[in-house]
């Protein structure tokens, strides 16, 4: 049996966590579009990386905002 992510089935709680991240990213993208439409540039930068004690990790982001000159 292969140990690739595609071959491993996720638990229901993991699938729900992925859906929460996807929904939050969708809302973030909408907010970025809105901010850009109002004249600012939005850059997302990794501020840190969160590690659990089981080998998992995730990037923590911060927005860098630049006001566009008009």
PDB file of N, CA and C in Angstrom:
ATOM      1  N   UNK A   1       0.845  -1.192   0.000  1.00  0.00           N
ATOM      2  CA  UNK A   1       0.000   0.000   0.000  1.00  0.00           C
ATOM      3  C   UNK A   1       0.880   1.243   0.000  1.00  0.00           C
ATOM      4  N   UNK A   2       0.590   2.157  -0.902  1.00  0.00           N
ATOM      5  CA  UNK A   2       1.355   3.391  -1.014  1.00  0.00           C
ATOM      6  C   UNK A   2       1.023   4.329   0.138  1.00  0.00           C
ATOM      7  N   UNK A   3       2.010   5.134   0.543  1.00  0.00           N
ATOM      8  CA  UNK A   3       1.808   6.056   1.665  1.00  0.00           C
ATOM      9  C   UNK A   3       1.695   7.500   1.179  1.00  0.00           C
ATOM     10  N   UNK A   4       1.178   7.687  -0.046  1.00  0.00           N
ATOM     11  CA  UNK A   4       1.005   9.042  -0.562  1.00  0.00           C
ATOM     12  C   UNK A   4      -0.293   9.632  -0.031  1.00  0.00           C
ATOM     13  N   UNK A   5      -0.381  10.963   0.029  1.00  0.00           N
ATOM     14  CA  UNK A   5      -1.622  11.590   0.521  1.00  0.00           C
ATOM     15  C   UNK A   5      -2.861  11.146  -0.253  1.00  0.00           C
ATOM     16  N   UNK A   6      -2.706  10.883  -1.558  1.00  0.00           N
ATOM     17  CA  UNK A   6      -3.848  10.481  -2.361  1.00  0.00           C
ATOM     18  C   UNK A   6      -4.369   9.110  -1.967  1.00  0.00           C
ATOM     19  N   UNK A   7      -3.506   8.259  -1.431  1.00  0.00           N
ATOM     20  CA  UNK A   7      -3.922   6.897  -1.108  1.00  0.00           C
ATOM     21  C   UNK A   7      -4.452   6.777   0.308  1.00  0.00           C
ATOM     22  N   UNK A   8      -4.282   7.803   1.119  1.00  0.00           N
ATOM     23  CA  UNK A   8      -4.746   7.762   2.502  1.00  0.00           C
ATOM     24  C   UNK A   8      -6.122   8.395   2.585  1.00  0.00           C
ATOM     25  N   UNK A   9      -7.061   7.715   3.219  1.00  0.00           N
ATOM     26  CA  UNK A   9      -8.367   8.330   3.402  1.00  0.00           C
ATOM     27  C   UNK A   9      -8.315   9.203   4.652  1.00  0.00           C
ATOM     28  N   UNK A  10      -9.058  10.303   4.588  1.00  0.00           N
ATOM     29  CA  UNK A  10      -9.079  11.224   5.713  1.00  0.00           C
ATOM     30  C   UNK A  10     -10.241  10.894   6.627  1.00  0.00           C
ATOM     31  N   UNK A  11     -10.025  11.174   7.893  1.00  0.00           N
ATOM     32  CA  UNK A  11     -11.098  11.041   8.866  1.00  0.00           C
ATOM     33  C   UNK A  11     -12.089  12.181   8.637  1.00  0.00           C
ATOM     34  N   UNK A  12     -13.309  12.004   9.111  1.00  0.00           N
ATOM     35  CA  UNK A  12     -14.335  13.027   8.946  1.00  0.00           C
ATOM     36  C   UNK A  12     -13.900  14.359   9.554  1.00  0.00           C
ATOM     37  N   UNK A  13     -13.246  14.313  10.721  1.00  0.00           N
ATOM     38  CA  UNK A  13     -12.798  15.557  11.359  1.00  0.00           C
ATOM     39  C   UNK A  13     -11.735  16.259  10.521  1.00  0.00           C
ATOM     40  N   UNK A  14     -10.889  15.486   9.839  1.00  0.00           N
ATOM     41  CA  UNK A  14      -9.875  16.083   8.970  1.00  0.00           C
ATOM     42  C   UNK A  14     -10.526  16.726   7.747  1.00  0.00           C
ATOM     43  N   UNK A  15     -11.519  16.033   7.171  1.00  0.00           N
ATOM     44  CA  UNK A  15     -12.219  16.593   6.017  1.00  0.00           C
ATOM     45  C   UNK A  15     -12.933  17.889   6.404  1.00  0.00           C
ATOM     46  N   UNK A  16     -13.523  17.928   7.600  1.00  0.00           N
ATOM     47  CA  UNK A  16     -14.189  19.142   8.057  1.00  0.00           C
ATOM     48  C   UNK A  16     -13.173  20.266   8.239  1.00  0.00           C
ATOM     49  N   UNK A  17     -12.001  19.957   8.777  1.00  0.00           N
ATOM     50  CA  UNK A  17     -10.959  20.964   8.961  1.00  0.00           C
ATOM     51  C   UNK A  17     -10.522  21.533   7.614  1.00  0.00           C
ATOM     52  N   UNK A  18     -10.390  20.684   6.611  1.00  0.00           N
ATOM     53  CA  UNK A  18     -10.011  21.134   5.264  1.00  0.00           C
ATOM     54  C   UNK A  18     -11.097  22.037   4.685  1.00  0.00           C
ATOM     55  N   UNK A  19     -12.365  21.671   4.879  1.00  0.00           N
ATOM     56  CA  UNK A  19     -13.472  22.509   4.398  1.00  0.00           C
ATOM     57  C   UNK A  19     -13.456  23.872   5.094  1.00  0.00           C
ATOM     58  N   UNK A  20     -13.145  23.897   6.397  1.00  0.00           N
ATOM     59  CA  UNK A  20     -13.072  25.172   7.123  1.00  0.00           C
ATOM     60  C   UNK A  20     -11.969  26.054   6.555  1.00  0.00           C
ATOM     61  N   UNK A  21     -10.820  25.461   6.269  1.00  0.00           N
ATOM     62  CA  UNK A  21      -9.716  26.229   5.681  1.00  0.00           C
ATOM     63  C   UNK A  21     -10.126  26.750   4.304  1.00  0.00           C
ATOM     64  N   UNK A  22     -10.745  25.896   3.489  1.00  0.00           N
ATOM     65  CA  UNK A  22     -11.168  26.308   2.148  1.00  0.00           C
ATOM     66  C   UNK A  22     -12.184  27.443   2.220  1.00  0.00           C
ATOM     67  N   UNK A  23     -13.140  27.350   3.132  1.00  0.00           N
ATOM     68  CA  UNK A  23     -14.143  28.416   3.284  1.00  0.00           C
ATOM     69  C   UNK A  23     -13.496  29.717   3.742  1.00  0.00           C
ATOM     70  N   UNK A  24     -12.569  29.629   4.686  1.00  0.00           N
ATOM     71  CA  UNK A  24     -11.882  30.822   5.169  1.00  0.00           C
ATOM     72  C   UNK A  24     -11.047  31.456   4.051  1.00  0.00           C
ATOM     73  N   UNK A  25     -10.408  30.627   3.231  1.00  0.00           N
ATOM     74  CA  UNK A  25      -9.619  31.157   2.114  1.00  0.00           C
ATOM     75  C   UNK A  25     -10.518  31.841   1.091  1.00  0.00           C
ATOM     76  N   UNK A  26     -11.693  31.285   0.867  1.00  0.00           N
ATOM     77  CA  UNK A  26     -12.634  31.913  -0.056  1.00  0.00           C
ATOM     78  C   UNK A  26     -13.026  33.297   0.461  1.00  0.00           C
ATOM     79  N   UNK A  27     -13.332  33.408   1.756  1.00  0.00           N
ATOM     80  CA  UNK A  27     -13.674  34.705   2.348  1.00  0.00           C
ATOM     81  C   UNK A  27     -12.476  35.659   2.287  1.00  0.00           C
ATOM     82  N   UNK A  28     -11.272  35.139   2.541  1.00  0.00           N
ATOM     83  CA  UNK A  28     -10.068  35.963   2.451  1.00  0.00           C
ATOM     84  C   UNK A  28      -9.889  36.499   1.036  1.00  0.00           C
ATOM     85  N   UNK A  29     -10.052  35.639   0.041  1.00  0.00           N
ATOM     86  CA  UNK A  29      -9.907  36.074  -1.355  1.00  0.00           C
ATOM     87  C   UNK A  29     -10.924  37.154  -1.702  1.00  0.00           C
ATOM     88  N   UNK A  30     -12.162  37.003  -1.227  1.00  0.00           N
ATOM     89  CA  UNK A  30     -13.173  38.038  -1.455  1.00  0.00           C
ATOM     90  C   UNK A  30     -12.756  39.357  -0.804  1.00  0.00           C
ATOM     91  N   UNK A  31     -12.202  39.288   0.406  1.00  0.00           N
ATOM     92  CA  UNK A  31     -11.757  40.494   1.100  1.00  0.00           C
ATOM     93  C   UNK A  31     -10.587  41.148   0.366  1.00  0.00           C
ATOM     94  N   UNK A  32      -9.669  40.354  -0.175  1.00  0.00           N
ATOM     95  CA  UNK A  32      -8.543  40.893  -0.939  1.00  0.00           C
ATOM     96  C   UNK A  32      -9.060  41.600  -2.185  1.00  0.00           C
ATOM     97  N   UNK A  33      -9.995  40.980  -2.887  1.00  0.00           N
ATOM     98  CA  UNK A  33     -10.570  41.595  -4.087  1.00  0.00           C
ATOM     99  C   UNK A  33     -11.215  42.926  -3.734  1.00  0.00           C
ATOM    100  N   UNK A  34     -11.949  42.957  -2.635  1.00  0.00           N
ATOM    101  CA  UNK A  34     -12.600  44.194  -2.192  1.00  0.00           C
ATOM    102  C   UNK A  34     -11.568  45.275  -1.865  1.00  0.00           C
ATOM    103  N   UNK A  35     -10.525  44.919  -1.139  1.00  0.00           N
ATOM    104  CA  UNK A  35      -9.487  45.885  -0.770  1.00  0.00           C
ATOM    105  C   UNK A  35      -8.769  46.420  -2.003  1.00  0.00           C
ATOM    106  N   UNK A  36      -8.440  45.549  -2.935  1.00  0.00           N
ATOM    107  CA  UNK A  36      -7.770  45.975  -4.163  1.00  0.00           C
ATOM    108  C   UNK A  36      -8.689  46.916  -4.944  1.00  0.00           C
ATOM    109  N   UNK A  37      -9.983  46.605  -4.956  1.00  0.00           N
ATOM    110  CA  UNK A  37     -10.935  47.468  -5.636  1.00  0.00           C
ATOM    111  C   UNK A  37     -11.037  48.848  -5.010  1.00  0.00           C
ATOM    112  N   UNK A  38     -10.661  48.960  -3.749  1.00  0.00           N
ATOM    113  CA  UNK A  38     -10.708  50.254  -3.050  1.00  0.00           C
ATOM    114  C   UNK A  38      -9.362  50.976  -3.088  1.00  0.00           C
ATOM    115  N   UNK A  39      -8.389  50.431  -3.823  1.00  0.00           N
ATOM    116  CA  UNK A  39      -7.157  51.168  -4.063  1.00  0.00           C
ATOM    117  C   UNK A  39      -5.949  50.781  -3.239  1.00  0.00           C
ATOM    118  N   UNK A  40      -5.965  49.603  -2.636  1.00  0.00           N
ATOM    119  CA  UNK A  40      -4.763  49.165  -1.916  1.00  0.00           C
ATOM    120  C   UNK A  40      -4.220  47.887  -2.546  1.00  0.00           C
ATOM    121  N   UNK A  41      -2.965  47.654  -2.316  1.00  0.00           N
ATOM    122  CA  UNK A  41      -2.332  46.411  -2.735  1.00  0.00           C
ATOM    123  C   UNK A  41      -2.189  45.540  -1.498  1.00  0.00           C
ATOM    124  N   UNK A  42      -2.550  44.283  -1.638  1.00  0.00           N
ATOM    125  CA  UNK A  42      -2.505  43.343  -0.516  1.00  0.00           C
ATOM    126  C   UNK A  42      -1.528  42.227  -0.855  1.00  0.00           C
ATOM    127  N   UNK A  43      -0.566  42.057   0.018  1.00  0.00           N
ATOM    128  CA  UNK A  43       0.415  40.976  -0.119  1.00  0.00           C
ATOM    129  C   UNK A  43       0.284  40.094   1.118  1.00  0.00           C
ATOM    130  N   UNK A  44       0.175  38.799   0.921  1.00  0.00           N
ATOM    131  CA  UNK A  44       0.129  37.871   2.049  1.00  0.00           C
ATOM    132  C   UNK A  44       1.508  37.257   2.215  1.00  0.00           C
ATOM    133  N   UNK A  45       2.015  37.318   3.437  1.00  0.00           N
ATOM    134  CA  UNK A  45       3.366  36.829   3.702  1.00  0.00           C
ATOM    135  C   UNK A  45       3.335  35.848   4.872  1.00  0.00           C
ATOM    136  N   UNK A  46       4.114  34.815   4.761  1.00  0.00           N
ATOM    137  CA  UNK A  46       4.207  33.871   5.871  1.00  0.00           C
ATOM    138  C   UNK A  46       4.932  34.536   7.029  1.00  0.00           C
ATOM    139  N   UNK A  47       4.278  34.552   8.190  1.00  0.00           N
ATOM    140  CA  UNK A  47       4.878  35.134   9.383  1.00  0.00           C
ATOM    141  C   UNK A  47       5.580  34.075  10.212  1.00  0.00           C
ATOM    142  N   UNK A  48       5.039  32.880  10.188  1.00  0.00           N
ATOM    143  CA  UNK A  48       5.617  31.788  10.958  1.00  0.00           C
ATOM    144  C   UNK A  48       5.034  30.479  10.437  1.00  0.00           C
ATOM    145  N   UNK A  49       5.493  29.416  11.010  1.00  0.00           N
ATOM    146  CA  UNK A  49       4.971  28.096  10.660  1.00  0.00           C
ATOM    147  C   UNK A  49       4.581  27.403  11.948  1.00  0.00           C
ATOM    148  N   UNK A  50       3.332  26.956  12.000  1.00  0.00           N
ATOM    149  CA  UNK A  50       2.834  26.233  13.171  1.00  0.00           C
ATOM    150  C   UNK A  50       3.137  24.750  13.001  1.00  0.00           C
ATOM    151  N   UNK A  51       3.699  24.137  14.040  1.00  0.00           N
ATOM    152  CA  UNK A  51       3.978  22.701  14.040  1.00  0.00           C
ATOM    153  C   UNK A  51       3.214  22.049  15.184  1.00  0.00           C
ATOM    154  N   UNK A  52       2.562  20.927  14.880  1.00  0.00           N
ATOM    155  CA  UNK A  52       2.001  20.150  15.988  1.00  0.00           C
ATOM    156  C   UNK A  52       3.058  19.138  16.421  1.00  0.00           C
ATOM    157  N   UNK A  53       2.746  18.306  17.354  1.00  0.00           N
ATOM    158  CA  UNK A  53       3.745  17.357  17.858  1.00  0.00           C
ATOM    159  C   UNK A  53       3.685  16.014  17.143  1.00  0.00           C
ATOM    160  N   UNK A  54       2.978  15.988  16.000  1.00  0.00           N
ATOM    161  CA  UNK A  54       2.833  14.735  15.251  1.00  0.00           C
ATOM    162  C   UNK A  54       3.379  14.843  13.832  1.00  0.00           C
ATOM    163  N   UNK A  55       4.145  15.884  13.542  1.00  0.00           N
ATOM    164  CA  UNK A  55       4.741  16.037  12.224  1.00  0.00           C
ATOM    165  C   UNK A  55       3.964  16.928  11.271  1.00  0.00           C
ATOM    166  N   UNK A  56       2.780  17.395  11.678  1.00  0.00           N
ATOM    167  CA  UNK A  56       2.004  18.280  10.820  1.00  0.00           C
ATOM    168  C   UNK A  56       2.439  19.719  10.996  1.00  0.00           C
ATOM    169  N   UNK A  57       2.217  20.526   9.972  1.00  0.00           N
ATOM    170  CA  UNK A  57       2.560  21.941  10.057  1.00  0.00           C
ATOM    171  C   UNK A  57       1.650  22.749   9.152  1.00  0.00           C
ATOM    172  N   UNK A  58       1.589  24.054   9.407  1.00  0.00           N
ATOM    173  CA  UNK A  58       0.810  24.960   8.574  1.00  0.00           C
ATOM    174  C   UNK A  58       1.393  26.351   8.642  1.00  0.00           C
ATOM    175  N   UNK A  59       1.287  27.090   7.547  1.00  0.00           N
ATOM    176  CA  UNK A  59       1.817  28.444   7.482  1.00  0.00           C
ATOM    177  C   UNK A  59       0.847  29.427   8.117  1.00  0.00           C
ATOM    178  N   UNK A  60       1.375  30.339   8.922  1.00  0.00           N
ATOM    179  CA  UNK A  60       0.618  31.439   9.508  1.00  0.00           C
ATOM    180  C   UNK A  60       0.911  32.678   8.668  1.00  0.00           C
ATOM    181  N   UNK A  61      -0.127  33.380   8.233  1.00  0.00           N
ATOM    182  CA  UNK A  61       0.029  34.501   7.308  1.00  0.00           C
ATOM    183  C   UNK A  61      -0.295  35.835   7.957  1.00  0.00           C
ATOM    184  N   UNK A  62       0.345  36.887   7.459  1.00  0.00           N
ATOM    185  CA  UNK A  62       0.001  38.261   7.828  1.00  0.00           C
ATOM    186  C   UNK A  62      -0.144  39.050   6.535  1.00  0.00           C
ATOM    187  N   UNK A  63      -1.059  40.016   6.524  1.00  0.00           N
ATOM    188  CA  UNK A  63      -1.178  40.846   5.322  1.00  0.00           C
ATOM    189  C   UNK A  63      -0.198  42.016   5.376  1.00  0.00           C
ATOM    190  N   UNK A  64       0.384  42.307   4.253  1.00  0.00           N
ATOM    191  CA  UNK A  64       1.205  43.507   4.080  1.00  0.00           C
ATOM    192  C   UNK A  64       0.397  44.400   3.140  1.00  0.00           C
ATOM    193  N   UNK A  65       0.004  45.576   3.632  1.00  0.00           N
ATOM    194  CA  UNK A  65      -0.881  46.461   2.873  1.00  0.00           C
ATOM    195  C   UNK A  65      -0.096  47.657   2.365  1.00  0.00           C
ATOM    196  N   UNK A  66      -0.278  47.976   1.083  1.00  0.00           N
ATOM    197  CA  UNK A  66       0.356  49.133   0.461  1.00  0.00           C
ATOM    198  C   UNK A  66      -0.748  49.992  -0.126  1.00  0.00           C
ATOM    199  N   UNK A  67      -0.748  51.273   0.231  1.00  0.00           N
ATOM    200  CA  UNK A  67      -1.740  52.191  -0.337  1.00  0.00           C
ATOM    201  C   UNK A  67      -1.244  52.624  -1.700  1.00  0.00           C
ATOM    202  N   UNK A  68      -2.090  52.477  -2.693  1.00  0.00           N
ATOM    203  CA  UNK A  68      -1.723  52.878  -4.052  1.00  0.00           C
ATOM    204  C   UNK A  68      -1.910  54.378  -4.203  1.00  0.00           C
ATOM    205  N   UNK A  69      -0.966  55.020  -4.837  1.00  0.00           N
ATOM    206  CA  UNK A  69      -1.099  56.438  -5.123  1.00  0.00           C
ATOM    207  C   UNK A  69      -2.037  56.655  -6.308  1.00  0.00           C
ATOM    208  N   UNK A  70      -3.000  57.564  -6.134  1.00  0.00           N
ATOM    209  CA  UNK A  70      -3.932  57.847  -7.242  1.00  0.00           C
ATOM    210  C   UNK A  70      -3.820  59.282  -7.647  1.00  0.00           C
TER     211      UNK A  70
END
